[in-house]
């Protein structure tokens, strides 16, 4: 079931936006597509794609309008994440990704200008919050998530509050986990991290930052408590949305109740990275295909 919803968005991307667009397939998109398709009652009668080097060339198995719109929305998310990454730290990888995805991005902009505007506003607000030096990662993630949730509500065709909360709190949870995971990278690169911005506030010390492990171990209670809170909010919203899903509940149960908390635990323990972000999509696609 998971593979169906990992592979089908990939086929939708290729069909609607070209071969290079399939590089943007992500765990976020898979989860959101699964929830959106199940809650909206869109067609579920498509099979799983057998793994293989040429699977990316296959056409869509489903005629779901929800999945078609999700493909366009995901392209716009990539566009703005690349813009955000380029603002933080320009790189050749980002420039190559932007060039490779240029046609797909332009098409998505034409097809879904309202989604493009909302997501752009969300990333603009994120930059503002980071420029302000805010030190509350859950609050930053939730406010950012409200923007990202709006196109999803339109795609599904609902104003359901619990569904909006689910998408918002998922963004908050991912933002918190990524902030812990990226501590060393952000410190070395000089890029914003809410934990680093509030270093003295969290550590209660004037000593300089040493490394991720020292910071996490010194603030283990505060960090684990924060992660526990965002997980509880996410799971509470999911429990309400779950009642409205028509299929694939077992898959989403596994993701929300086991997968995401396990990922958070591994990040805190330093035994495994968080899921790959869009900025790592070019080098992480093969690993994601193995897990799918």
C-alpha atoms as a PDB file:
ATOM      1  CA  UNK A   1       0.000   0.000   0.000  1.00  0.00           C
ATOM      2  CA  UNK A   2       2.779   2.430   0.826  1.00  0.00           C
ATOM      3  CA  UNK A   3       4.597   1.699  -2.398  1.00  0.00           C
ATOM      4  CA  UNK A   4       1.447   2.442  -4.383  1.00  0.00           C
ATOM      5  CA  UNK A   5       1.289   5.903  -2.846  1.00  0.00           C
ATOM      6  CA  UNK A   6       5.009   6.485  -3.143  1.00  0.00           C
ATOM      7  CA  UNK A   7       5.177   5.477  -6.809  1.00  0.00           C
ATOM      8  CA  UNK A   8       1.904   6.906  -8.109  1.00  0.00           C
ATOM      9  CA  UNK A   9       2.795  10.551  -7.334  1.00  0.00           C
ATOM     10  CA  UNK A  10       6.044   9.888  -9.199  1.00  0.00           C
ATOM     11  CA  UNK A  11       4.065   8.726 -12.257  1.00  0.00           C
ATOM     12  CA  UNK A  12       1.743  11.730 -11.944  1.00  0.00           C
ATOM     13  CA  UNK A  13       4.744  14.050 -11.860  1.00  0.00           C
ATOM     14  CA  UNK A  14       6.311  12.516 -14.956  1.00  0.00           C
ATOM     15  CA  UNK A  15       3.017  12.586 -16.849  1.00  0.00           C
ATOM     16  CA  UNK A  16       2.188  16.165 -15.916  1.00  0.00           C
ATOM     17  CA  UNK A  17       5.545  17.864 -15.502  1.00  0.00           C
ATOM     18  CA  UNK A  18       8.263  15.829 -17.199  1.00  0.00           C
ATOM     19  CA  UNK A  19      10.934  13.346 -16.260  1.00  0.00           C
ATOM     20  CA  UNK A  20      13.089  15.639 -14.107  1.00  0.00           C
ATOM     21  CA  UNK A  21      10.097  16.455 -11.895  1.00  0.00           C
ATOM     22  CA  UNK A  22      10.181  12.907 -10.514  1.00  0.00           C
ATOM     23  CA  UNK A  23      13.288  13.898  -8.549  1.00  0.00           C
ATOM     24  CA  UNK A  24      10.970  15.787  -6.191  1.00  0.00           C
ATOM     25  CA  UNK A  25       9.094  12.761  -4.876  1.00  0.00           C
ATOM     26  CA  UNK A  26       9.321  12.843  -1.083  1.00  0.00           C
ATOM     27  CA  UNK A  27       7.987  11.195   2.033  1.00  0.00           C
ATOM     28  CA  UNK A  28       5.949  14.350   2.757  1.00  0.00           C
ATOM     29  CA  UNK A  29       4.266  14.205  -0.622  1.00  0.00           C
ATOM     30  CA  UNK A  30       3.543  10.506  -0.233  1.00  0.00           C
ATOM     31  CA  UNK A  31       1.890  10.953   3.158  1.00  0.00           C
ATOM     32  CA  UNK A  32      -0.103  14.013   2.117  1.00  0.00           C
ATOM     33  CA  UNK A  33      -1.221  12.329  -1.112  1.00  0.00           C
ATOM     34  CA  UNK A  34      -2.369   9.273   0.795  1.00  0.00           C
ATOM     35  CA  UNK A  35      -4.370  11.316   3.307  1.00  0.00           C
ATOM     36  CA  UNK A  36      -5.844  13.585   0.624  1.00  0.00           C
ATOM     37  CA  UNK A  37      -6.888  10.743  -1.662  1.00  0.00           C
ATOM     38  CA  UNK A  38      -8.384   8.702   1.173  1.00  0.00           C
ATOM     39  CA  UNK A  39     -10.332  11.546   2.810  1.00  0.00           C
ATOM     40  CA  UNK A  40     -11.677  12.825  -0.513  1.00  0.00           C
ATOM     41  CA  UNK A  41     -12.746   9.350  -1.622  1.00  0.00           C
ATOM     42  CA  UNK A  42     -10.760   9.621  -4.842  1.00  0.00           C
ATOM     43  CA  UNK A  43     -10.075   6.446  -6.853  1.00  0.00           C
ATOM     44  CA  UNK A  44      -8.004   3.885  -4.978  1.00  0.00           C
ATOM     45  CA  UNK A  45      -8.100   1.119  -7.568  1.00  0.00           C
ATOM     46  CA  UNK A  46      -4.545   1.342  -8.826  1.00  0.00           C
ATOM     47  CA  UNK A  47      -1.807  -1.179  -8.250  1.00  0.00           C
ATOM     48  CA  UNK A  48       1.690  -0.974  -6.898  1.00  0.00           C
ATOM     49  CA  UNK A  49       4.639  -0.408  -9.201  1.00  0.00           C
ATOM     50  CA  UNK A  50       7.213  -3.179  -9.248  1.00  0.00           C
ATOM     51  CA  UNK A  51      10.686  -1.904  -8.431  1.00  0.00           C
ATOM     52  CA  UNK A  52      12.952  -1.521 -11.401  1.00  0.00           C
ATOM     53  CA  UNK A  53      15.326   0.961 -13.047  1.00  0.00           C
ATOM     54  CA  UNK A  54      12.725   1.945 -15.674  1.00  0.00           C
ATOM     55  CA  UNK A  55       9.712   2.300 -13.370  1.00  0.00           C
ATOM     56  CA  UNK A  56       9.983   6.084 -13.558  1.00  0.00           C
ATOM     57  CA  UNK A  57       9.003   5.962 -17.251  1.00  0.00           C
ATOM     58  CA  UNK A  58       5.622   4.397 -16.579  1.00  0.00           C
ATOM     59  CA  UNK A  59       2.451   6.422 -16.862  1.00  0.00           C
ATOM     60  CA  UNK A  60      -0.064   7.030 -14.052  1.00  0.00           C
ATOM     61  CA  UNK A  61      -2.134   4.124 -12.829  1.00  0.00           C
ATOM     62  CA  UNK A  62      -4.837   6.398 -11.380  1.00  0.00           C
ATOM     63  CA  UNK A  63      -7.025   9.116 -12.864  1.00  0.00           C
ATOM     64  CA  UNK A  64      -7.365  10.876  -9.500  1.00  0.00           C
ATOM     65  CA  UNK A  65      -7.680  14.657  -9.809  1.00  0.00           C
ATOM     66  CA  UNK A  66      -6.425  14.918  -6.241  1.00  0.00           C
ATOM     67  CA  UNK A  67      -3.151  13.188  -7.129  1.00  0.00           C
ATOM     68  CA  UNK A  68      -2.754  15.312 -10.267  1.00  0.00           C
ATOM     69  CA  UNK A  69      -3.097  18.499  -8.225  1.00  0.00           C
ATOM     70  CA  UNK A  70      -0.787  17.119  -5.551  1.00  0.00           C
ATOM     71  CA  UNK A  71       1.888  16.717  -8.226  1.00  0.00           C
ATOM     72  CA  UNK A  72       1.628  20.389  -9.189  1.00  0.00           C
ATOM     73  CA  UNK A  73       1.598  21.482  -5.560  1.00  0.00           C
ATOM     74  CA  UNK A  74       4.723  19.448  -4.810  1.00  0.00           C
ATOM     75  CA  UNK A  75       6.586  21.126  -7.682  1.00  0.00           C
ATOM     76  CA  UNK A  76       5.757  24.527  -6.198  1.00  0.00           C
ATOM     77  CA  UNK A  77       6.955  23.408  -2.776  1.00  0.00           C
ATOM     78  CA  UNK A  78      10.250  22.423  -4.363  1.00  0.00           C
ATOM     79  CA  UNK A  79      10.483  25.769  -6.130  1.00  0.00           C
ATOM     80  CA  UNK A  80      10.146  27.723  -2.905  1.00  0.00           C
ATOM     81  CA  UNK A  81      12.373  25.403  -0.897  1.00  0.00           C
ATOM     82  CA  UNK A  82      15.107  25.877  -3.486  1.00  0.00           C
ATOM     83  CA  UNK A  83      14.608  29.646  -3.250  1.00  0.00           C
ATOM     84  CA  UNK A  84      14.832  29.438   0.532  1.00  0.00           C
ATOM     85  CA  UNK A  85      17.931  27.238   0.421  1.00  0.00           C
ATOM     86  CA  UNK A  86      19.581  29.563  -2.083  1.00  0.00           C
ATOM     87  CA  UNK A  87      18.904  32.477   0.258  1.00  0.00           C
ATOM     88  CA  UNK A  88      20.464  30.627   3.194  1.00  0.00           C
ATOM     89  CA  UNK A  89      23.453  29.176   1.368  1.00  0.00           C
ATOM     90  CA  UNK A  90      23.764  29.275  -2.434  1.00  0.00           C
ATOM     91  CA  UNK A  91      25.171  26.104  -3.950  1.00  0.00           C
ATOM     92  CA  UNK A  92      25.795  24.511  -7.318  1.00  0.00           C
ATOM     93  CA  UNK A  93      23.416  21.690  -6.415  1.00  0.00           C
ATOM     94  CA  UNK A  94      20.555  24.145  -5.900  1.00  0.00           C
ATOM     95  CA  UNK A  95      21.330  25.939  -9.146  1.00  0.00           C
ATOM     96  CA  UNK A  96      21.406  22.647 -11.047  1.00  0.00           C
ATOM     97  CA  UNK A  97      18.110  21.551  -9.480  1.00  0.00           C
ATOM     98  CA  UNK A  98      16.463  24.874 -10.350  1.00  0.00           C
ATOM     99  CA  UNK A  99      17.699  24.629 -13.940  1.00  0.00           C
ATOM    100  CA  UNK A 100      16.601  20.992 -14.324  1.00  0.00           C
ATOM    101  CA  UNK A 101      13.151  21.745 -12.920  1.00  0.00           C
ATOM    102  CA  UNK A 102      12.653  25.077 -14.675  1.00  0.00           C
ATOM    103  CA  UNK A 103      10.044  23.887 -17.179  1.00  0.00           C
ATOM    104  CA  UNK A 104       8.133  21.911 -14.554  1.00  0.00           C
ATOM    105  CA  UNK A 105       8.094  24.890 -12.214  1.00  0.00           C
ATOM    106  CA  UNK A 106       6.879  27.275 -14.935  1.00  0.00           C
ATOM    107  CA  UNK A 107       4.072  24.876 -15.847  1.00  0.00           C
ATOM    108  CA  UNK A 108       3.004  24.451 -12.213  1.00  0.00           C
ATOM    109  CA  UNK A 109       3.006  28.246 -11.784  1.00  0.00           C
ATOM    110  CA  UNK A 110       0.656  28.601 -14.767  1.00  0.00           C
ATOM    111  CA  UNK A 111      -1.650  25.794 -13.636  1.00  0.00           C
ATOM    112  CA  UNK A 112      -1.851  26.663  -9.947  1.00  0.00           C
ATOM    113  CA  UNK A 113      -0.989  30.352  -9.441  1.00  0.00           C
ATOM    114  CA  UNK A 114      -3.004  30.532  -6.217  1.00  0.00           C
ATOM    115  CA  UNK A 115      -0.993  27.694  -4.672  1.00  0.00           C
ATOM    116  CA  UNK A 116       2.233  29.352  -5.779  1.00  0.00           C
ATOM    117  CA  UNK A 117       1.208  32.612  -4.126  1.00  0.00           C
ATOM    118  CA  UNK A 118       0.230  31.002  -0.817  1.00  0.00           C
ATOM    119  CA  UNK A 119       3.354  28.852  -0.572  1.00  0.00           C
ATOM    120  CA  UNK A 120       5.505  31.867  -1.453  1.00  0.00           C
ATOM    121  CA  UNK A 121       3.834  33.854   1.318  1.00  0.00           C
ATOM    122  CA  UNK A 122       4.536  30.996   3.702  1.00  0.00           C
ATOM    123  CA  UNK A 123       8.216  30.924   2.880  1.00  0.00           C
ATOM    124  CA  UNK A 124       8.300  34.713   3.118  1.00  0.00           C
ATOM    125  CA  UNK A 125       6.826  34.523   6.615  1.00  0.00           C
ATOM    126  CA  UNK A 126       9.338  31.807   7.507  1.00  0.00           C
ATOM    127  CA  UNK A 127      12.200  34.075   6.474  1.00  0.00           C
ATOM    128  CA  UNK A 128      10.702  36.874   8.594  1.00  0.00           C
ATOM    129  CA  UNK A 129      10.452  34.656  11.668  1.00  0.00           C
ATOM    130  CA  UNK A 130      13.997  33.428  11.234  1.00  0.00           C
ATOM    131  CA  UNK A 131      15.261  36.987  10.678  1.00  0.00           C
ATOM    132  CA  UNK A 132      13.562  37.963  13.935  1.00  0.00           C
ATOM    133  CA  UNK A 133      15.675  35.322  15.658  1.00  0.00           C
ATOM    134  CA  UNK A 134      12.717  33.456  17.091  1.00  0.00           C
ATOM    135  CA  UNK A 135      13.666  30.589  19.375  1.00  0.00           C
ATOM    136  CA  UNK A 136      10.417  28.566  19.476  1.00  0.00           C
ATOM    137  CA  UNK A 137      10.801  25.870  16.777  1.00  0.00           C
ATOM    138  CA  UNK A 138       7.331  24.395  17.298  1.00  0.00           C
ATOM    139  CA  UNK A 139       5.700  27.822  16.978  1.00  0.00           C
ATOM    140  CA  UNK A 140       7.689  28.670  13.869  1.00  0.00           C
ATOM    141  CA  UNK A 141       6.835  25.318  12.277  1.00  0.00           C
ATOM    142  CA  UNK A 142       3.136  25.628  13.098  1.00  0.00           C
ATOM    143  CA  UNK A 143       2.846  29.145  11.681  1.00  0.00           C
ATOM    144  CA  UNK A 144       4.686  28.086   8.540  1.00  0.00           C
ATOM    145  CA  UNK A 145       2.526  24.970   8.331  1.00  0.00           C
ATOM    146  CA  UNK A 146      -0.681  26.997   8.221  1.00  0.00           C
ATOM    147  CA  UNK A 147       0.363  28.403   4.859  1.00  0.00           C
ATOM    148  CA  UNK A 148       1.362  25.015   3.450  1.00  0.00           C
ATOM    149  CA  UNK A 149      -1.948  23.497   4.581  1.00  0.00           C
ATOM    150  CA  UNK A 150      -4.146  25.911   2.627  1.00  0.00           C
ATOM    151  CA  UNK A 151      -3.489  24.496  -0.870  1.00  0.00           C
ATOM    152  CA  UNK A 152      -4.032  20.994   0.505  1.00  0.00           C
ATOM    153  CA  UNK A 153      -7.439  21.994   1.806  1.00  0.00           C
ATOM    154  CA  UNK A 154      -8.334  23.307  -1.656  1.00  0.00           C
ATOM    155  CA  UNK A 155      -7.048  20.153  -3.339  1.00  0.00           C
ATOM    156  CA  UNK A 156      -9.201  17.977  -1.092  1.00  0.00           C
ATOM    157  CA  UNK A 157     -12.150  20.386  -1.318  1.00  0.00           C
ATOM    158  CA  UNK A 158     -12.868  20.797   2.375  1.00  0.00           C
ATOM    159  CA  UNK A 159     -12.575  23.243   5.246  1.00  0.00           C
ATOM    160  CA  UNK A 160     -12.328  20.500   7.847  1.00  0.00           C
ATOM    161  CA  UNK A 161     -10.495  21.908  10.873  1.00  0.00           C
ATOM    162  CA  UNK A 162      -8.971  18.651  12.047  1.00  0.00           C
ATOM    163  CA  UNK A 163      -7.509  18.038   8.600  1.00  0.00           C
ATOM    164  CA  UNK A 164      -6.002  21.522   8.514  1.00  0.00           C
ATOM    165  CA  UNK A 165      -4.579  20.916  11.989  1.00  0.00           C
ATOM    166  CA  UNK A 166      -3.052  17.616  10.870  1.00  0.00           C
ATOM    167  CA  UNK A 167      -1.167  19.183   7.960  1.00  0.00           C
ATOM    168  CA  UNK A 168      -0.117  22.156  10.109  1.00  0.00           C
ATOM    169  CA  UNK A 169       1.142  20.033  12.980  1.00  0.00           C
ATOM    170  CA  UNK A 170       2.959  17.674  10.639  1.00  0.00           C
ATOM    171  CA  UNK A 171       4.973  20.668   9.395  1.00  0.00           C
ATOM    172  CA  UNK A 172       5.638  21.731  12.992  1.00  0.00           C
ATOM    173  CA  UNK A 173       6.853  18.247  13.942  1.00  0.00           C
ATOM    174  CA  UNK A 174       9.129  18.009  10.910  1.00  0.00           C
ATOM    175  CA  UNK A 175      10.510  21.502  11.540  1.00  0.00           C
ATOM    176  CA  UNK A 176      11.413  20.618  15.140  1.00  0.00           C
ATOM    177  CA  UNK A 177      13.024  17.294  14.190  1.00  0.00           C
ATOM    178  CA  UNK A 178      14.976  18.863  11.334  1.00  0.00           C
ATOM    179  CA  UNK A 179      16.195  21.665  13.625  1.00  0.00           C
ATOM    180  CA  UNK A 180      17.718  19.081  15.973  1.00  0.00           C
ATOM    181  CA  UNK A 181      19.115  17.055  13.091  1.00  0.00           C
ATOM    182  CA  UNK A 182      20.700  20.103  11.417  1.00  0.00           C
ATOM    183  CA  UNK A 183      22.410  21.622  14.470  1.00  0.00           C
ATOM    184  CA  UNK A 184      25.992  20.913  13.403  1.00  0.00           C
ATOM    185  CA  UNK A 185      25.362  21.700   9.738  1.00  0.00           C
ATOM    186  CA  UNK A 186      23.684  25.026  10.559  1.00  0.00           C
ATOM    187  CA  UNK A 187      26.433  25.955  13.016  1.00  0.00           C
ATOM    188  CA  UNK A 188      29.190  25.231  10.490  1.00  0.00           C
ATOM    189  CA  UNK A 189      27.370  27.003   7.641  1.00  0.00           C
ATOM    190  CA  UNK A 190      26.242  29.927   9.771  1.00  0.00           C
ATOM    191  CA  UNK A 191      22.614  29.363   8.811  1.00  0.00           C
ATOM    192  CA  UNK A 192      19.640  29.936  11.081  1.00  0.00           C
ATOM    193  CA  UNK A 193      18.544  27.326  13.580  1.00  0.00           C
ATOM    194  CA  UNK A 194      16.039  28.151  16.367  1.00  0.00           C
ATOM    195  CA  UNK A 195      18.004  26.132  18.908  1.00  0.00           C
ATOM    196  CA  UNK A 196      21.214  27.964  18.048  1.00  0.00           C
ATOM    197  CA  UNK A 197      19.402  31.311  18.054  1.00  0.00           C
ATOM    198  CA  UNK A 198      18.281  30.539  21.607  1.00  0.00           C
ATOM    199  CA  UNK A 199      21.478  28.759  22.609  1.00  0.00           C
ATOM    200  CA  UNK A 200      21.987  30.550  25.930  1.00  0.00           C
ATOM    201  CA  UNK A 201      18.268  30.265  26.637  1.00  0.00           C
ATOM    202  CA  UNK A 202      18.307  26.484  26.164  1.00  0.00           C
ATOM    203  CA  UNK A 203      21.730  25.710  27.584  1.00  0.00           C
ATOM    204  CA  UNK A 204      21.703  28.206  30.437  1.00  0.00           C
ATOM    205  CA  UNK A 205      25.401  28.623  29.792  1.00  0.00           C
ATOM    206  CA  UNK A 206      27.716  31.242  28.325  1.00  0.00           C
ATOM    207  CA  UNK A 207      30.056  28.556  27.002  1.00  0.00           C
ATOM    208  CA  UNK A 208      30.309  28.357  23.199  1.00  0.00           C
ATOM    209  CA  UNK A 209      28.484  25.724  21.187  1.00  0.00           C
ATOM    210  CA  UNK A 210      30.608  22.580  20.795  1.00  0.00           C
ATOM    211  CA  UNK A 211      28.592  20.044  18.811  1.00  0.00           C
ATOM    212  CA  UNK A 212      25.140  18.524  18.371  1.00  0.00           C
ATOM    213  CA  UNK A 213      25.640  15.685  20.847  1.00  0.00           C
ATOM    214  CA  UNK A 214      26.868  17.954  23.619  1.00  0.00           C
ATOM    215  CA  UNK A 215      23.972  20.349  23.065  1.00  0.00           C
ATOM    216  CA  UNK A 216      21.312  17.626  22.956  1.00  0.00           C
ATOM    217  CA  UNK A 217      22.696  15.779  25.968  1.00  0.00           C
ATOM    218  CA  UNK A 218      22.868  19.008  27.937  1.00  0.00           C
ATOM    219  CA  UNK A 219      19.278  19.888  27.075  1.00  0.00           C
ATOM    220  CA  UNK A 220      17.780  16.432  26.806  1.00  0.00           C
ATOM    221  CA  UNK A 221      14.730  17.092  28.950  1.00  0.00           C
ATOM    222  CA  UNK A 222      13.763  20.300  27.147  1.00  0.00           C
ATOM    223  CA  UNK A 223      14.240  18.824  23.673  1.00  0.00           C
ATOM    224  CA  UNK A 224      12.503  15.510  24.347  1.00  0.00           C
ATOM    225  CA  UNK A 225       9.620  17.303  26.035  1.00  0.00           C
ATOM    226  CA  UNK A 226       9.232  19.610  23.045  1.00  0.00           C
ATOM    227  CA  UNK A 227       9.280  16.670  20.614  1.00  0.00           C
ATOM    228  CA  UNK A 228       6.789  14.794  22.797  1.00  0.00           C
ATOM    229  CA  UNK A 229       4.414  17.767  22.674  1.00  0.00           C
ATOM    230  CA  UNK A 230       4.495  18.181  18.893  1.00  0.00           C
ATOM    231  CA  UNK A 231       4.030  14.421  18.450  1.00  0.00           C
ATOM    232  CA  UNK A 232       1.033  14.442  20.791  1.00  0.00           C
ATOM    233  CA  UNK A 233      -0.576  17.309  18.834  1.00  0.00           C
ATOM    234  CA  UNK A 234       0.075  15.538  15.541  1.00  0.00           C
ATOM    235  CA  UNK A 235      -1.372  12.248  16.735  1.00  0.00           C
ATOM    236  CA  UNK A 236      -4.416  13.927  18.271  1.00  0.00           C
ATOM    237  CA  UNK A 237      -5.318  15.608  14.974  1.00  0.00           C
ATOM    238  CA  UNK A 238      -4.618  12.411  13.075  1.00  0.00           C
ATOM    239  CA  UNK A 239      -6.985  10.433  15.323  1.00  0.00           C
ATOM    240  CA  UNK A 240      -9.815  12.742  14.219  1.00  0.00           C
ATOM    241  CA  UNK A 241      -8.887  12.618  10.524  1.00  0.00           C
ATOM    242  CA  UNK A 242      -8.502   8.837  10.683  1.00  0.00           C
ATOM    243  CA  UNK A 243     -12.253   8.422  11.207  1.00  0.00           C
ATOM    244  CA  UNK A 244     -12.898  10.094   7.840  1.00  0.00           C
ATOM    245  CA  UNK A 245     -10.451   8.026   5.799  1.00  0.00           C
ATOM    246  CA  UNK A 246     -11.870   5.446   3.410  1.00  0.00           C
ATOM    247  CA  UNK A 247      -8.790   3.258   2.969  1.00  0.00           C
ATOM    248  CA  UNK A 248      -5.064   2.744   3.710  1.00  0.00           C
ATOM    249  CA  UNK A 249      -5.548   3.534   7.397  1.00  0.00           C
ATOM    250  CA  UNK A 250      -3.002   0.887   8.347  1.00  0.00           C
ATOM    251  CA  UNK A 251      -0.310   2.694   6.390  1.00  0.00           C
ATOM    252  CA  UNK A 252      -0.968   6.072   7.969  1.00  0.00           C
ATOM    253  CA  UNK A 253      -1.259   4.498  11.422  1.00  0.00           C
ATOM    254  CA  UNK A 254       2.229   3.124  10.953  1.00  0.00           C
ATOM    255  CA  UNK A 255       3.628   6.463   9.763  1.00  0.00           C
ATOM    256  CA  UNK A 256       2.074   8.679  12.444  1.00  0.00           C
ATOM    257  CA  UNK A 257       2.134   6.337  15.424  1.00  0.00           C
ATOM    258  CA  UNK A 258       5.439   4.582  14.755  1.00  0.00           C
ATOM    259  CA  UNK A 259       7.502   5.959  11.847  1.00  0.00           C
ATOM    260  CA  UNK A 260       7.664   9.668  12.677  1.00  0.00           C
ATOM    261  CA  UNK A 261       8.181   9.144  16.448  1.00  0.00           C
ATOM    262  CA  UNK A 262      10.886   6.573  15.709  1.00  0.00           C
ATOM    263  CA  UNK A 263      12.615   9.011  13.358  1.00  0.00           C
ATOM    264  CA  UNK A 264      12.485  11.692  16.063  1.00  0.00           C
ATOM    265  CA  UNK A 265      13.915   9.301  18.650  1.00  0.00           C
ATOM    266  CA  UNK A 266      16.777   8.349  16.341  1.00  0.00           C
ATOM    267  CA  UNK A 267      17.595  11.986  15.603  1.00  0.00           C
ATOM    268  CA  UNK A 268      17.696  12.881  19.290  1.00  0.00           C
ATOM    269  CA  UNK A 269      19.859   9.841  20.031  1.00  0.00           C
ATOM    270  CA  UNK A 270      22.124  10.671  17.103  1.00  0.00           C
ATOM    271  CA  UNK A 271      21.663   7.203  15.616  1.00  0.00           C
ATOM    272  CA  UNK A 272      19.971   8.215  12.384  1.00  0.00           C
ATOM    273  CA  UNK A 273      19.117  11.272  10.309  1.00  0.00           C
ATOM    274  CA  UNK A 274      15.674  12.731   9.793  1.00  0.00           C
ATOM    275  CA  UNK A 275      13.995  12.014   6.487  1.00  0.00           C
ATOM    276  CA  UNK A 276      15.657  13.687   3.482  1.00  0.00           C
ATOM    277  CA  UNK A 277      14.497  17.183   2.599  1.00  0.00           C
ATOM    278  CA  UNK A 278      13.828  18.465  -0.895  1.00  0.00           C
ATOM    279  CA  UNK A 279      17.289  19.999  -0.986  1.00  0.00           C
ATOM    280  CA  UNK A 280      18.751  16.484  -0.750  1.00  0.00           C
ATOM    281  CA  UNK A 281      16.431  14.948  -3.324  1.00  0.00           C
ATOM    282  CA  UNK A 282      19.011  14.630  -6.094  1.00  0.00           C
ATOM    283  CA  UNK A 283      21.352  12.489  -4.013  1.00  0.00           C
ATOM    284  CA  UNK A 284      18.754  10.704  -1.863  1.00  0.00           C
ATOM    285  CA  UNK A 285      16.314   9.415  -4.458  1.00  0.00           C
ATOM    286  CA  UNK A 286      17.956   5.989  -4.709  1.00  0.00           C
ATOM    287  CA  UNK A 287      17.803   5.501  -0.929  1.00  0.00           C
ATOM    288  CA  UNK A 288      14.150   6.499  -0.821  1.00  0.00           C
ATOM    289  CA  UNK A 289      13.324   4.038  -3.582  1.00  0.00           C
ATOM    290  CA  UNK A 290      14.891   1.266  -1.539  1.00  0.00           C
ATOM    291  CA  UNK A 291      12.765   2.142   1.491  1.00  0.00           C
ATOM    292  CA  UNK A 292       9.637   2.446  -0.671  1.00  0.00           C
END
